[in-house]
N, C-alpha and C. Protein backbone atom coordinates (compact mmCIF):
# COMPACT_ATOMS: atom_id res chain seq x y z
N MET A 1 0.80 -1.22 0.01
CA MET A 1 0.01 -0.01 -0.03
C MET A 1 0.86 1.26 0.01
N GLY A 2 2.04 1.25 0.56
CA GLY A 2 2.89 2.40 0.60
C GLY A 2 2.58 3.24 1.82
N VAL A 3 3.05 4.47 1.84
CA VAL A 3 2.83 5.40 2.92
C VAL A 3 1.91 6.49 2.47
N LYS A 4 0.82 6.66 3.25
CA LYS A 4 -0.15 7.69 2.90
C LYS A 4 0.20 9.05 3.55
N LEU A 5 0.37 10.08 2.75
CA LEU A 5 0.75 11.39 3.23
C LEU A 5 -0.46 12.33 3.18
N PHE A 6 -0.72 12.99 4.29
CA PHE A 6 -1.71 14.02 4.34
C PHE A 6 -1.01 15.36 4.37
N LEU A 7 -0.86 15.97 3.17
CA LEU A 7 -0.17 17.24 3.11
C LEU A 7 -1.17 18.40 3.36
N ILE A 8 -0.91 19.10 4.45
CA ILE A 8 -1.88 20.09 4.97
C ILE A 8 -1.27 21.45 4.91
N ARG A 9 -1.88 22.39 4.27
CA ARG A 9 -1.46 23.78 4.33
C ARG A 9 -1.86 24.41 5.62
N HIS A 10 -0.99 25.21 6.22
CA HIS A 10 -1.32 25.91 7.43
C HIS A 10 -2.54 26.77 7.31
N GLY A 11 -3.15 27.16 8.47
CA GLY A 11 -4.30 28.05 8.46
C GLY A 11 -3.93 29.45 8.07
N GLN A 12 -5.03 30.23 7.91
CA GLN A 12 -4.85 31.60 7.52
C GLN A 12 -4.01 32.41 8.50
N THR A 13 -3.15 33.31 7.99
CA THR A 13 -2.33 34.17 8.85
C THR A 13 -2.74 35.62 8.62
N ASP A 14 -2.15 36.49 9.43
CA ASP A 14 -2.38 37.93 9.29
C ASP A 14 -2.05 38.41 7.84
N TRP A 15 -0.91 37.97 7.35
CA TRP A 15 -0.47 38.39 6.00
C TRP A 15 -1.27 37.72 4.92
N ASN A 16 -1.75 36.50 5.12
CA ASN A 16 -2.71 35.90 4.15
C ASN A 16 -3.91 36.78 4.02
N SER A 17 -4.45 37.18 5.11
CA SER A 17 -5.72 38.00 5.09
C SER A 17 -5.50 39.35 4.44
N GLN A 18 -4.21 39.87 4.46
CA GLN A 18 -3.87 41.14 3.84
C GLN A 18 -3.39 41.05 2.43
N GLY A 19 -3.23 39.77 1.95
CA GLY A 19 -2.73 39.60 0.60
C GLY A 19 -1.25 39.91 0.40
N ARG A 20 -0.46 39.54 1.44
CA ARG A 20 0.98 39.79 1.41
C ARG A 20 1.77 38.46 1.25
N TYR A 21 2.86 38.56 0.54
CA TYR A 21 3.78 37.38 0.42
C TYR A 21 4.51 37.20 1.74
N GLN A 22 4.61 35.90 2.17
CA GLN A 22 5.24 35.60 3.47
C GLN A 22 6.61 35.01 3.36
N GLY A 23 6.69 33.86 2.66
CA GLY A 23 7.97 33.23 2.54
C GLY A 23 8.60 32.86 3.88
N TYR A 24 9.82 33.33 4.13
CA TYR A 24 10.56 32.99 5.30
C TYR A 24 10.08 33.82 6.52
N GLN A 25 9.27 34.85 6.27
CA GLN A 25 8.86 35.72 7.40
C GLN A 25 7.87 34.99 8.31
N GLU A 26 7.91 35.31 9.63
CA GLU A 26 7.04 34.69 10.58
C GLU A 26 5.81 35.58 10.81
N THR A 27 4.65 34.92 10.65
CA THR A 27 3.42 35.62 10.83
C THR A 27 2.46 34.72 11.67
N ASN A 28 1.55 35.31 12.36
CA ASN A 28 0.65 34.52 13.26
C ASN A 28 -0.65 34.10 12.57
N LEU A 29 -1.17 32.99 13.04
CA LEU A 29 -2.48 32.56 12.56
C LEU A 29 -3.53 33.56 13.06
N THR A 30 -4.52 33.82 12.21
CA THR A 30 -5.67 34.62 12.63
C THR A 30 -6.64 33.70 13.37
N LYS A 31 -7.76 34.30 13.84
CA LYS A 31 -8.81 33.51 14.46
C LYS A 31 -9.35 32.49 13.43
N VAL A 32 -9.48 32.95 12.22
CA VAL A 32 -9.93 32.06 11.12
C VAL A 32 -8.93 30.94 10.94
N GLY A 33 -7.61 31.30 10.95
CA GLY A 33 -6.60 30.20 10.83
C GLY A 33 -6.63 29.20 11.88
N LEU A 34 -6.82 29.64 13.14
CA LEU A 34 -6.94 28.74 14.26
C LEU A 34 -8.12 27.80 14.10
N LYS A 35 -9.24 28.36 13.66
CA LYS A 35 -10.48 27.56 13.40
C LYS A 35 -10.24 26.54 12.29
N GLN A 36 -9.50 26.98 11.23
CA GLN A 36 -9.21 26.04 10.18
C GLN A 36 -8.41 24.82 10.65
N ALA A 37 -7.45 25.12 11.52
CA ALA A 37 -6.58 24.04 12.08
C ALA A 37 -7.45 23.07 12.93
N LEU A 38 -8.35 23.60 13.69
CA LEU A 38 -9.24 22.82 14.54
C LEU A 38 -10.18 21.98 13.64
N LEU A 39 -10.64 22.55 12.57
CA LEU A 39 -11.53 21.81 11.69
C LEU A 39 -10.81 20.70 10.94
N ALA A 40 -9.54 20.99 10.58
CA ALA A 40 -8.72 19.94 9.98
C ALA A 40 -8.53 18.77 10.95
N LYS A 41 -8.24 19.12 12.22
CA LYS A 41 -8.08 18.05 13.23
C LYS A 41 -9.35 17.22 13.39
N LYS A 42 -10.53 17.89 13.43
CA LYS A 42 -11.77 17.16 13.52
C LYS A 42 -12.01 16.27 12.33
N TYR A 43 -11.77 16.77 11.12
CA TYR A 43 -11.95 15.99 9.89
C TYR A 43 -11.09 14.74 9.88
N LEU A 44 -9.84 14.86 10.41
CA LEU A 44 -8.87 13.77 10.40
C LEU A 44 -8.84 12.99 11.69
N SER A 45 -9.85 13.19 12.51
CA SER A 45 -9.79 12.59 13.87
C SER A 45 -9.77 11.08 13.91
N LYS A 46 -10.25 10.44 12.87
CA LYS A 46 -10.24 8.98 12.83
C LYS A 46 -8.99 8.38 12.21
N VAL A 47 -8.08 9.27 11.77
CA VAL A 47 -6.81 8.78 11.16
C VAL A 47 -5.85 8.60 12.30
N LYS A 48 -5.19 7.42 12.33
CA LYS A 48 -4.20 7.10 13.32
C LYS A 48 -2.80 7.40 12.73
N PHE A 49 -2.37 8.65 12.97
CA PHE A 49 -1.07 9.08 12.38
C PHE A 49 0.07 8.36 13.09
N SER A 50 1.02 7.85 12.31
CA SER A 50 2.24 7.29 12.85
C SER A 50 3.20 8.39 13.28
N ASN A 51 3.16 9.50 12.51
CA ASN A 51 4.03 10.67 12.79
C ASN A 51 3.39 11.90 12.21
N ILE A 52 3.66 13.04 12.84
CA ILE A 52 3.24 14.36 12.31
C ILE A 52 4.47 15.19 12.12
N TYR A 53 4.66 15.69 10.90
CA TYR A 53 5.84 16.51 10.57
C TYR A 53 5.40 17.91 10.30
N SER A 54 6.31 18.85 10.48
CA SER A 54 5.93 20.22 10.23
C SER A 54 7.16 21.06 9.77
N SER A 55 6.84 22.06 8.95
CA SER A 55 7.81 23.12 8.72
C SER A 55 8.17 23.80 10.05
N PRO A 56 9.33 24.38 10.18
CA PRO A 56 9.74 25.07 11.42
C PRO A 56 9.04 26.38 11.60
N GLN A 57 8.35 26.90 10.59
CA GLN A 57 7.78 28.21 10.68
C GLN A 57 6.51 28.22 11.51
N LYS A 58 6.36 29.30 12.27
CA LYS A 58 5.33 29.35 13.30
C LYS A 58 3.94 29.07 12.81
N ARG A 59 3.54 29.57 11.67
CA ARG A 59 2.22 29.37 11.19
C ARG A 59 1.88 27.89 10.92
N ALA A 60 2.93 27.16 10.42
CA ALA A 60 2.77 25.73 10.17
C ALA A 60 2.85 24.97 11.48
N LEU A 61 3.81 25.37 12.32
CA LEU A 61 4.00 24.63 13.59
C LEU A 61 2.79 24.76 14.47
N ASP A 62 2.20 25.97 14.55
CA ASP A 62 0.98 26.17 15.35
C ASP A 62 -0.14 25.32 14.85
N THR A 63 -0.27 25.17 13.50
CA THR A 63 -1.29 24.33 12.92
C THR A 63 -1.06 22.87 13.26
N ALA A 64 0.23 22.44 13.17
CA ALA A 64 0.60 21.08 13.49
C ALA A 64 0.38 20.71 14.93
N ASN A 65 0.66 21.65 15.85
CA ASN A 65 0.47 21.39 17.27
C ASN A 65 -0.98 21.20 17.60
N ILE A 66 -1.86 21.94 16.92
CA ILE A 66 -3.32 21.71 17.14
C ILE A 66 -3.68 20.32 16.60
N LEU A 67 -3.16 19.98 15.52
CA LEU A 67 -3.45 18.62 14.88
C LEU A 67 -2.98 17.51 15.83
N ALA A 68 -1.84 17.73 16.53
CA ALA A 68 -1.23 16.70 17.36
C ALA A 68 -1.81 16.63 18.77
N LYS A 69 -2.61 17.64 19.16
CA LYS A 69 -3.08 17.74 20.52
C LYS A 69 -3.96 16.50 20.82
N LYS A 70 -3.71 15.91 22.01
CA LYS A 70 -4.44 14.72 22.49
C LYS A 70 -4.16 13.49 21.62
N SER A 71 -3.08 13.50 20.85
CA SER A 71 -2.70 12.33 20.07
C SER A 71 -1.43 11.75 20.68
N ASN A 72 -0.98 10.62 20.16
CA ASN A 72 0.28 10.02 20.66
C ASN A 72 1.50 10.50 19.92
N CYS A 73 1.30 11.53 19.06
CA CYS A 73 2.41 12.00 18.23
C CYS A 73 2.94 13.34 18.75
N LYS A 74 4.28 13.43 18.71
CA LYS A 74 4.93 14.70 18.88
C LYS A 74 5.24 15.25 17.49
N VAL A 75 5.19 16.58 17.38
CA VAL A 75 5.46 17.15 16.10
C VAL A 75 6.98 17.15 15.75
N ILE A 76 7.32 16.58 14.62
CA ILE A 76 8.68 16.49 14.21
C ILE A 76 8.97 17.67 13.22
N ILE A 77 9.93 18.47 13.52
CA ILE A 77 10.20 19.63 12.65
C ILE A 77 11.28 19.29 11.58
N ARG A 78 10.99 19.68 10.36
CA ARG A 78 11.92 19.48 9.27
C ARG A 78 12.20 20.81 8.51
N GLU A 79 13.42 21.25 8.49
CA GLU A 79 13.78 22.51 7.90
C GLU A 79 13.42 22.60 6.42
N ASP A 80 13.51 21.54 5.72
CA ASP A 80 13.27 21.60 4.25
C ASP A 80 11.82 21.62 3.86
N LEU A 81 10.92 21.61 4.91
CA LEU A 81 9.48 21.88 4.64
C LEU A 81 9.12 23.37 4.75
N ARG A 82 10.17 24.22 4.92
CA ARG A 82 10.00 25.67 5.03
C ARG A 82 9.53 26.20 3.66
N GLU A 83 8.79 27.28 3.75
CA GLU A 83 8.22 27.94 2.53
C GLU A 83 9.36 28.47 1.62
N LEU A 84 8.99 28.75 0.36
CA LEU A 84 9.84 29.38 -0.59
C LEU A 84 10.39 30.72 -0.03
N ASN A 85 11.64 31.02 -0.26
CA ASN A 85 12.23 32.30 0.12
C ASN A 85 11.88 33.27 -0.98
N PHE A 86 11.03 34.26 -0.62
CA PHE A 86 10.57 35.22 -1.58
C PHE A 86 11.47 36.49 -1.66
N GLY A 87 12.60 36.43 -0.93
CA GLY A 87 13.55 37.54 -1.01
C GLY A 87 12.95 38.89 -0.74
N LYS A 88 13.20 39.81 -1.68
CA LYS A 88 12.77 41.22 -1.50
C LYS A 88 11.21 41.40 -1.56
N TRP A 89 10.56 40.35 -1.97
CA TRP A 89 9.09 40.44 -2.13
C TRP A 89 8.29 40.28 -0.80
N GLU A 90 8.94 39.75 0.19
CA GLU A 90 8.26 39.34 1.40
C GLU A 90 7.71 40.56 2.13
N GLY A 91 6.45 40.50 2.50
CA GLY A 91 5.74 41.61 3.13
C GLY A 91 4.96 42.50 2.16
N LEU A 92 5.24 42.30 0.86
CA LEU A 92 4.56 43.16 -0.18
C LEU A 92 3.29 42.47 -0.59
N LYS A 93 2.30 43.33 -0.94
CA LYS A 93 1.08 42.83 -1.60
C LYS A 93 1.30 42.52 -3.06
N PHE A 94 0.42 41.74 -3.67
CA PHE A 94 0.53 41.38 -5.05
C PHE A 94 0.74 42.60 -5.97
N GLU A 95 -0.18 43.57 -5.77
CA GLU A 95 -0.08 44.74 -6.63
C GLU A 95 1.14 45.57 -6.40
N GLU A 96 1.63 45.63 -5.13
CA GLU A 96 2.87 46.42 -4.81
C GLU A 96 4.06 45.82 -5.46
N LEU A 97 4.24 44.50 -5.43
CA LEU A 97 5.45 43.94 -5.97
C LEU A 97 5.36 43.90 -7.50
N ASN A 98 4.11 43.86 -8.05
CA ASN A 98 4.01 43.86 -9.49
C ASN A 98 4.39 45.26 -10.03
N GLU A 99 4.26 46.28 -9.16
CA GLU A 99 4.70 47.63 -9.57
C GLU A 99 6.17 47.83 -9.31
N LYS A 100 6.66 47.44 -8.13
CA LYS A 100 8.02 47.70 -7.71
C LYS A 100 9.02 46.79 -8.42
N TYR A 101 8.64 45.54 -8.61
CA TYR A 101 9.53 44.56 -9.24
C TYR A 101 8.82 43.89 -10.46
N HIS A 102 8.22 44.77 -11.32
CA HIS A 102 7.33 44.29 -12.32
C HIS A 102 7.94 43.22 -13.23
N ASP A 103 9.13 43.43 -13.84
CA ASP A 103 9.70 42.49 -14.74
C ASP A 103 10.03 41.17 -14.02
N ASP A 104 10.65 41.27 -12.84
CA ASP A 104 10.97 40.05 -12.09
C ASP A 104 9.75 39.25 -11.75
N TYR A 105 8.70 39.97 -11.37
CA TYR A 105 7.44 39.29 -10.96
C TYR A 105 6.79 38.60 -12.16
N GLN A 106 6.71 39.30 -13.29
CA GLN A 106 6.09 38.71 -14.47
C GLN A 106 6.86 37.49 -14.99
N ASN A 107 8.20 37.63 -14.94
CA ASN A 107 9.05 36.53 -15.38
C ASN A 107 8.89 35.30 -14.45
N TRP A 108 8.74 35.58 -13.16
CA TRP A 108 8.56 34.49 -12.16
C TRP A 108 7.23 33.78 -12.39
N LEU A 109 6.18 34.58 -12.67
CA LEU A 109 4.86 33.94 -12.92
C LEU A 109 4.90 33.03 -14.12
N GLN A 110 5.73 33.42 -15.11
CA GLN A 110 5.84 32.65 -16.36
C GLN A 110 6.78 31.46 -16.18
N ASP A 111 7.88 31.62 -15.47
CA ASP A 111 8.89 30.57 -15.34
C ASP A 111 9.66 30.64 -14.03
N PRO A 112 9.00 30.14 -12.95
CA PRO A 112 9.63 30.18 -11.61
C PRO A 112 10.86 29.29 -11.43
N PHE A 113 11.06 28.41 -12.42
CA PHE A 113 12.23 27.51 -12.27
C PHE A 113 13.53 28.30 -12.62
N ASN A 114 13.44 29.16 -13.61
CA ASN A 114 14.66 29.92 -14.03
C ASN A 114 14.63 31.38 -13.58
N CYS A 115 13.49 31.86 -13.13
CA CYS A 115 13.32 33.24 -12.73
C CYS A 115 12.82 33.33 -11.24
N PRO A 116 13.73 33.36 -10.33
CA PRO A 116 13.35 33.38 -8.90
C PRO A 116 12.82 34.72 -8.49
N PRO A 117 12.11 34.85 -7.36
CA PRO A 117 11.78 36.13 -6.82
C PRO A 117 13.10 36.97 -6.64
N THR A 118 12.98 38.28 -6.62
CA THR A 118 14.17 39.16 -6.49
C THR A 118 14.95 38.77 -5.23
N GLU A 119 16.19 38.29 -5.46
CA GLU A 119 17.06 37.84 -4.30
C GLU A 119 16.44 36.72 -3.52
N GLY A 120 15.60 35.92 -4.19
CA GLY A 120 14.95 34.79 -3.50
C GLY A 120 15.38 33.40 -4.07
N GLU A 121 14.52 32.45 -3.87
CA GLU A 121 14.79 31.03 -4.17
C GLU A 121 14.00 30.64 -5.43
N ASN A 122 14.62 29.92 -6.33
CA ASN A 122 13.86 29.44 -7.53
C ASN A 122 13.11 28.15 -7.18
N PHE A 123 12.15 27.88 -8.08
CA PHE A 123 11.25 26.77 -7.86
C PHE A 123 11.96 25.43 -7.96
N LYS A 124 13.00 25.36 -8.72
CA LYS A 124 13.77 24.11 -8.86
C LYS A 124 14.41 23.74 -7.49
N SER A 125 14.97 24.69 -6.81
CA SER A 125 15.55 24.50 -5.53
C SER A 125 14.54 24.05 -4.48
N LEU A 126 13.36 24.75 -4.54
CA LEU A 126 12.25 24.37 -3.65
C LEU A 126 11.83 22.95 -3.83
N ILE A 127 11.62 22.53 -5.08
CA ILE A 127 11.15 21.17 -5.35
C ILE A 127 12.21 20.10 -4.95
N GLU A 128 13.48 20.41 -5.23
CA GLU A 128 14.53 19.49 -4.86
C GLU A 128 14.60 19.24 -3.36
N ARG A 129 14.50 20.28 -2.55
CA ARG A 129 14.61 20.06 -1.12
C ARG A 129 13.33 19.46 -0.55
N ALA A 130 12.19 19.89 -1.14
CA ALA A 130 10.88 19.31 -0.64
C ALA A 130 10.79 17.79 -0.97
N ASN A 131 11.16 17.47 -2.23
CA ASN A 131 11.06 16.06 -2.62
C ASN A 131 12.05 15.18 -1.83
N LYS A 132 13.25 15.70 -1.58
CA LYS A 132 14.22 14.96 -0.76
C LYS A 132 13.69 14.69 0.60
N GLU A 133 13.02 15.70 1.19
CA GLU A 133 12.43 15.55 2.55
C GLU A 133 11.28 14.58 2.53
N ILE A 134 10.47 14.58 1.53
CA ILE A 134 9.33 13.61 1.40
C ILE A 134 9.90 12.23 1.32
N ASN A 135 10.94 12.05 0.55
CA ASN A 135 11.56 10.69 0.47
C ASN A 135 12.08 10.23 1.77
N ASN A 136 12.71 11.17 2.53
CA ASN A 136 13.18 10.80 3.91
C ASN A 136 12.04 10.37 4.77
N ILE A 137 10.91 11.14 4.73
CA ILE A 137 9.81 10.82 5.59
C ILE A 137 9.21 9.44 5.21
N VAL A 138 9.04 9.21 3.94
CA VAL A 138 8.51 7.93 3.50
C VAL A 138 9.40 6.78 3.99
N ASN A 139 10.70 6.96 3.87
CA ASN A 139 11.61 5.91 4.31
C ASN A 139 11.59 5.69 5.83
N GLU A 140 11.19 6.70 6.59
CA GLU A 140 11.17 6.61 8.01
C GLU A 140 9.90 5.93 8.57
N ASN A 141 8.90 5.75 7.68
CA ASN A 141 7.61 5.15 8.11
C ASN A 141 7.31 3.88 7.32
N PRO A 142 6.84 2.83 8.02
CA PRO A 142 6.58 1.58 7.31
C PRO A 142 5.39 1.61 6.41
N ASP A 143 5.36 0.68 5.48
CA ASP A 143 4.18 0.59 4.57
C ASP A 143 2.93 0.52 5.40
N GLY A 144 1.87 1.20 4.91
CA GLY A 144 0.59 1.19 5.60
C GLY A 144 0.46 2.33 6.59
N SER A 145 1.47 3.12 6.74
CA SER A 145 1.48 4.23 7.69
C SER A 145 0.62 5.40 7.12
N ASP A 146 0.02 6.13 8.05
CA ASP A 146 -0.61 7.44 7.71
C ASP A 146 0.24 8.50 8.39
N VAL A 147 0.65 9.47 7.61
CA VAL A 147 1.55 10.55 8.04
C VAL A 147 0.99 11.91 7.72
N ALA A 148 1.01 12.77 8.71
CA ALA A 148 0.59 14.18 8.45
C ALA A 148 1.83 15.05 8.24
N ILE A 149 1.74 15.94 7.23
CA ILE A 149 2.79 16.84 6.95
C ILE A 149 2.17 18.22 6.87
N VAL A 150 2.51 19.11 7.82
CA VAL A 150 1.95 20.44 7.79
C VAL A 150 3.01 21.42 7.25
N THR A 151 2.64 22.08 6.11
CA THR A 151 3.66 22.89 5.45
C THR A 151 2.99 24.07 4.75
N HIS A 152 3.50 24.49 3.61
CA HIS A 152 3.12 25.75 2.96
C HIS A 152 2.58 25.48 1.57
N GLY A 153 1.89 26.54 1.05
CA GLY A 153 1.33 26.42 -0.30
C GLY A 153 2.38 26.20 -1.34
N GLY A 154 3.53 26.85 -1.24
CA GLY A 154 4.57 26.76 -2.23
C GLY A 154 5.14 25.36 -2.28
N ILE A 155 5.36 24.78 -1.08
CA ILE A 155 5.88 23.45 -1.00
C ILE A 155 4.94 22.40 -1.59
N ILE A 156 3.67 22.54 -1.25
CA ILE A 156 2.67 21.57 -1.77
C ILE A 156 2.51 21.69 -3.33
N VAL A 157 2.41 22.91 -3.78
CA VAL A 157 2.34 23.11 -5.22
C VAL A 157 3.58 22.58 -5.94
N GLY A 158 4.74 22.81 -5.39
CA GLY A 158 5.97 22.32 -5.98
C GLY A 158 5.99 20.82 -6.09
N LEU A 159 5.53 20.17 -5.00
CA LEU A 159 5.50 18.67 -5.02
C LEU A 159 4.50 18.15 -6.05
N LEU A 160 3.35 18.82 -6.11
CA LEU A 160 2.34 18.35 -7.11
C LEU A 160 2.81 18.57 -8.54
N VAL A 161 3.51 19.68 -8.80
CA VAL A 161 4.11 19.94 -10.09
C VAL A 161 5.08 18.82 -10.45
N HIS A 162 5.91 18.46 -9.44
CA HIS A 162 6.92 17.40 -9.67
C HIS A 162 6.24 15.98 -9.90
N TRP A 163 5.28 15.67 -9.09
CA TRP A 163 4.67 14.31 -9.20
C TRP A 163 3.81 14.21 -10.45
N LEU A 164 3.16 15.28 -10.84
CA LEU A 164 2.25 15.23 -12.02
C LEU A 164 2.95 15.64 -13.33
N LYS A 165 4.26 16.01 -13.16
CA LYS A 165 5.07 16.40 -14.33
C LYS A 165 4.38 17.56 -15.11
N ILE A 166 3.91 18.50 -14.37
CA ILE A 166 3.28 19.67 -14.92
C ILE A 166 4.30 20.65 -15.51
N PRO A 167 4.13 21.16 -16.71
CA PRO A 167 5.12 22.10 -17.24
C PRO A 167 5.31 23.31 -16.35
N GLY A 168 6.53 23.79 -16.24
CA GLY A 168 6.79 24.91 -15.38
C GLY A 168 5.95 26.16 -15.58
N SER A 169 5.55 26.39 -16.81
CA SER A 169 4.74 27.56 -17.09
C SER A 169 3.31 27.43 -16.59
N CYS A 170 2.89 26.22 -16.24
CA CYS A 170 1.56 25.97 -15.78
C CYS A 170 1.39 25.79 -14.30
N TRP A 171 2.50 26.03 -13.54
CA TRP A 171 2.45 25.81 -12.09
C TRP A 171 1.29 26.52 -11.43
N ARG A 172 0.95 27.73 -11.95
CA ARG A 172 -0.06 28.56 -11.31
C ARG A 172 -1.48 27.97 -11.48
N SER A 173 -1.62 26.91 -12.30
CA SER A 173 -2.88 26.23 -12.43
C SER A 173 -3.29 25.55 -11.15
N LEU A 174 -2.38 25.27 -10.27
CA LEU A 174 -2.65 24.60 -9.02
C LEU A 174 -2.86 25.61 -7.88
N ILE A 175 -4.00 25.49 -7.27
CA ILE A 175 -4.35 26.37 -6.12
C ILE A 175 -4.29 25.62 -4.83
N GLN A 176 -3.77 26.25 -3.80
CA GLN A 176 -3.82 25.72 -2.44
C GLN A 176 -4.38 26.71 -1.48
N ARG A 177 -5.63 26.45 -1.07
CA ARG A 177 -6.26 27.35 -0.10
C ARG A 177 -5.70 27.10 1.28
N GLN A 178 -5.86 28.10 2.13
CA GLN A 178 -5.40 27.98 3.52
C GLN A 178 -6.18 26.86 4.22
N GLY A 179 -5.49 25.99 4.92
CA GLY A 179 -6.14 24.88 5.60
C GLY A 179 -6.50 23.70 4.71
N ALA A 180 -6.05 23.73 3.47
CA ALA A 180 -6.36 22.65 2.49
C ALA A 180 -5.65 21.37 2.86
N ILE A 181 -6.29 20.25 2.51
CA ILE A 181 -5.77 18.86 2.75
C ILE A 181 -5.53 18.19 1.41
N ASN A 182 -4.38 17.63 1.20
CA ASN A 182 -4.02 16.86 -0.02
C ASN A 182 -3.62 15.45 0.44
N VAL A 183 -4.11 14.41 -0.23
CA VAL A 183 -3.80 13.06 0.15
C VAL A 183 -3.03 12.36 -0.95
N VAL A 184 -1.89 11.84 -0.64
CA VAL A 184 -1.01 11.22 -1.60
C VAL A 184 -0.47 9.93 -1.01
N VAL A 185 -0.53 8.85 -1.70
CA VAL A 185 0.16 7.60 -1.28
C VAL A 185 1.39 7.33 -2.12
N ILE A 186 2.53 7.24 -1.41
CA ILE A 186 3.80 6.96 -2.13
C ILE A 186 4.12 5.47 -1.95
N ASP A 187 4.04 4.74 -3.04
CA ASP A 187 4.24 3.29 -3.03
C ASP A 187 5.37 2.91 -4.02
N LYS A 188 6.45 2.42 -3.45
CA LYS A 188 7.61 2.08 -4.29
C LYS A 188 8.05 3.26 -5.17
N GLY A 189 7.96 4.44 -4.54
CA GLY A 189 8.45 5.66 -5.27
C GLY A 189 7.41 6.26 -6.16
N PHE A 190 6.27 5.65 -6.31
CA PHE A 190 5.24 6.17 -7.24
C PHE A 190 4.14 6.86 -6.49
N PRO A 191 3.76 8.11 -6.87
CA PRO A 191 2.72 8.82 -6.16
C PRO A 191 1.31 8.54 -6.70
N TYR A 192 0.40 8.15 -5.83
CA TYR A 192 -1.01 8.04 -6.17
C TYR A 192 -1.72 9.18 -5.45
N ILE A 193 -2.25 10.11 -6.22
CA ILE A 193 -2.83 11.32 -5.66
C ILE A 193 -4.36 11.19 -5.62
N SER A 194 -4.91 11.14 -4.43
CA SER A 194 -6.37 10.95 -4.35
C SER A 194 -7.15 12.23 -3.95
N SER A 195 -6.42 13.27 -3.46
CA SER A 195 -7.16 14.47 -3.13
C SER A 195 -6.18 15.67 -3.24
N ILE A 196 -6.63 16.72 -3.89
CA ILE A 196 -5.86 17.94 -4.06
C ILE A 196 -6.70 19.13 -3.61
N ASN A 197 -6.15 19.94 -2.72
CA ASN A 197 -6.76 21.23 -2.31
C ASN A 197 -8.20 21.01 -1.77
N PHE A 198 -8.35 19.94 -0.95
CA PHE A 198 -9.64 19.67 -0.37
C PHE A 198 -9.91 20.62 0.80
N THR A 199 -11.05 21.32 0.78
CA THR A 199 -11.42 22.22 1.91
C THR A 199 -12.86 22.05 2.33
N GLY A 200 -13.42 20.87 2.02
CA GLY A 200 -14.82 20.60 2.41
C GLY A 200 -15.03 20.58 3.90
N HIS A 201 -13.95 20.47 4.66
CA HIS A 201 -14.07 20.47 6.14
C HIS A 201 -14.16 21.86 6.72
N LEU A 202 -13.91 22.87 5.93
CA LEU A 202 -13.79 24.22 6.46
C LEU A 202 -15.09 25.04 6.39
N ASN A 203 -15.92 24.80 5.43
CA ASN A 203 -17.15 25.55 5.23
C ASN A 203 -18.28 24.60 4.84
N ARG A 204 -19.47 24.90 5.34
CA ARG A 204 -20.63 24.10 5.00
C ARG A 204 -21.04 24.28 3.56
N PHE A 205 -20.80 25.51 3.04
CA PHE A 205 -21.16 25.79 1.66
C PHE A 205 -19.91 26.44 0.98
N TYR A 206 -19.90 26.39 -0.33
CA TYR A 206 -18.80 26.97 -1.06
C TYR A 206 -18.74 28.47 -0.86
N ASP A 207 -17.53 28.98 -0.60
CA ASP A 207 -17.30 30.40 -0.38
C ASP A 207 -16.34 30.88 -1.48
N GLU A 208 -16.88 31.73 -2.41
CA GLU A 208 -16.07 32.18 -3.54
C GLU A 208 -14.83 33.00 -3.09
N ASN A 209 -14.83 33.54 -1.84
CA ASN A 209 -13.72 34.31 -1.38
C ASN A 209 -12.44 33.43 -1.26
N GLU A 210 -12.64 32.12 -1.14
CA GLU A 210 -11.47 31.24 -1.01
C GLU A 210 -10.67 31.23 -2.29
N ASP A 211 -11.24 31.60 -3.40
CA ASP A 211 -10.55 31.57 -4.72
C ASP A 211 -10.22 33.01 -5.15
N LYS A 212 -10.12 33.90 -4.20
CA LYS A 212 -9.78 35.30 -4.53
C LYS A 212 -8.44 35.38 -5.27
N VAL A 213 -7.51 34.48 -4.91
CA VAL A 213 -6.17 34.59 -5.46
C VAL A 213 -6.17 34.39 -6.98
N ILE A 214 -7.14 33.60 -7.52
CA ILE A 214 -7.28 33.41 -8.95
C ILE A 214 -7.56 34.69 -9.66
N GLU A 215 -8.49 35.45 -9.11
CA GLU A 215 -8.80 36.80 -9.64
C GLU A 215 -7.58 37.72 -9.67
N ILE A 216 -6.85 37.64 -8.55
CA ILE A 216 -5.64 38.54 -8.44
C ILE A 216 -4.62 38.13 -9.49
N TYR A 217 -4.30 36.84 -9.60
CA TYR A 217 -3.32 36.41 -10.59
C TYR A 217 -3.78 36.75 -12.03
N SER A 218 -5.10 36.58 -12.26
CA SER A 218 -5.62 36.84 -13.59
C SER A 218 -5.46 38.25 -14.00
N LYS A 219 -5.61 39.17 -13.04
CA LYS A 219 -5.47 40.62 -13.33
C LYS A 219 -4.02 40.99 -13.53
N LEU A 220 -3.06 40.35 -12.82
CA LEU A 220 -1.67 40.76 -12.84
C LEU A 220 -0.85 40.10 -13.88
N LYS A 221 -1.23 38.90 -14.34
CA LYS A 221 -0.40 38.05 -15.19
C LYS A 221 -0.36 38.55 -16.60
N ARG A 222 0.85 38.66 -17.13
CA ARG A 222 1.01 38.95 -18.54
C ARG A 222 1.20 37.64 -19.29
N TYR A 223 0.19 37.18 -20.01
CA TYR A 223 0.23 35.85 -20.62
C TYR A 223 1.05 35.82 -21.91
N LYS A 224 1.71 34.68 -22.11
CA LYS A 224 2.50 34.47 -23.33
C LYS A 224 2.15 33.15 -23.97
N ASN A 225 2.09 33.16 -25.31
CA ASN A 225 1.86 31.90 -26.07
C ASN A 225 0.63 31.15 -25.58
N GLY A 226 -0.38 31.91 -25.17
CA GLY A 226 -1.65 31.24 -24.79
C GLY A 226 -1.62 30.66 -23.41
N ASN A 227 -0.52 30.80 -22.67
CA ASN A 227 -0.43 30.23 -21.30
C ASN A 227 -0.59 31.30 -20.25
């Protein structure tokens, strides 16, 4: 059966609610973010996790600690689950960095593998360290294990791009909402993906505000060659 990974994006933060890039910066969960973590815990309450792993960053670690509460698991911190380093962009809103670092931003949206954020990390580096850490985690847990991994949108999107062999120019087709759950089974090195960006545990009804980022990217992106 392999090892089942529950890849969970942290709950909403102050900067998420303001539309700011976070990256390596530390920001706190909002009341909404704390509720999202509690709802994820409730939704996954029947899963017997063998281990719970987390990015070292506070927003992920706080989410993981809520998930681990009253369980037999201690949260294991892994540095390579840290979010993408956005360099000079951190703390800026989408519109601000599109104005201040317009060419760098547009090039990154088109090709994040070769065009990193200004003084930041490229997508290739992110995927390499994230995939290496996932392989370590899989090797640490026996077949049939259920494992929780609390991390960031960039990490999860990078892994999905890698597993699904999505062209670099189409990375932005994948959305990760705050508090989203993704389920992937890694068996003999092969990924079986059964759930992407699931947020049915967070709201009783669909909330279009969850997809606000699509509207933002659509307004800011300079498209090339139909992509």
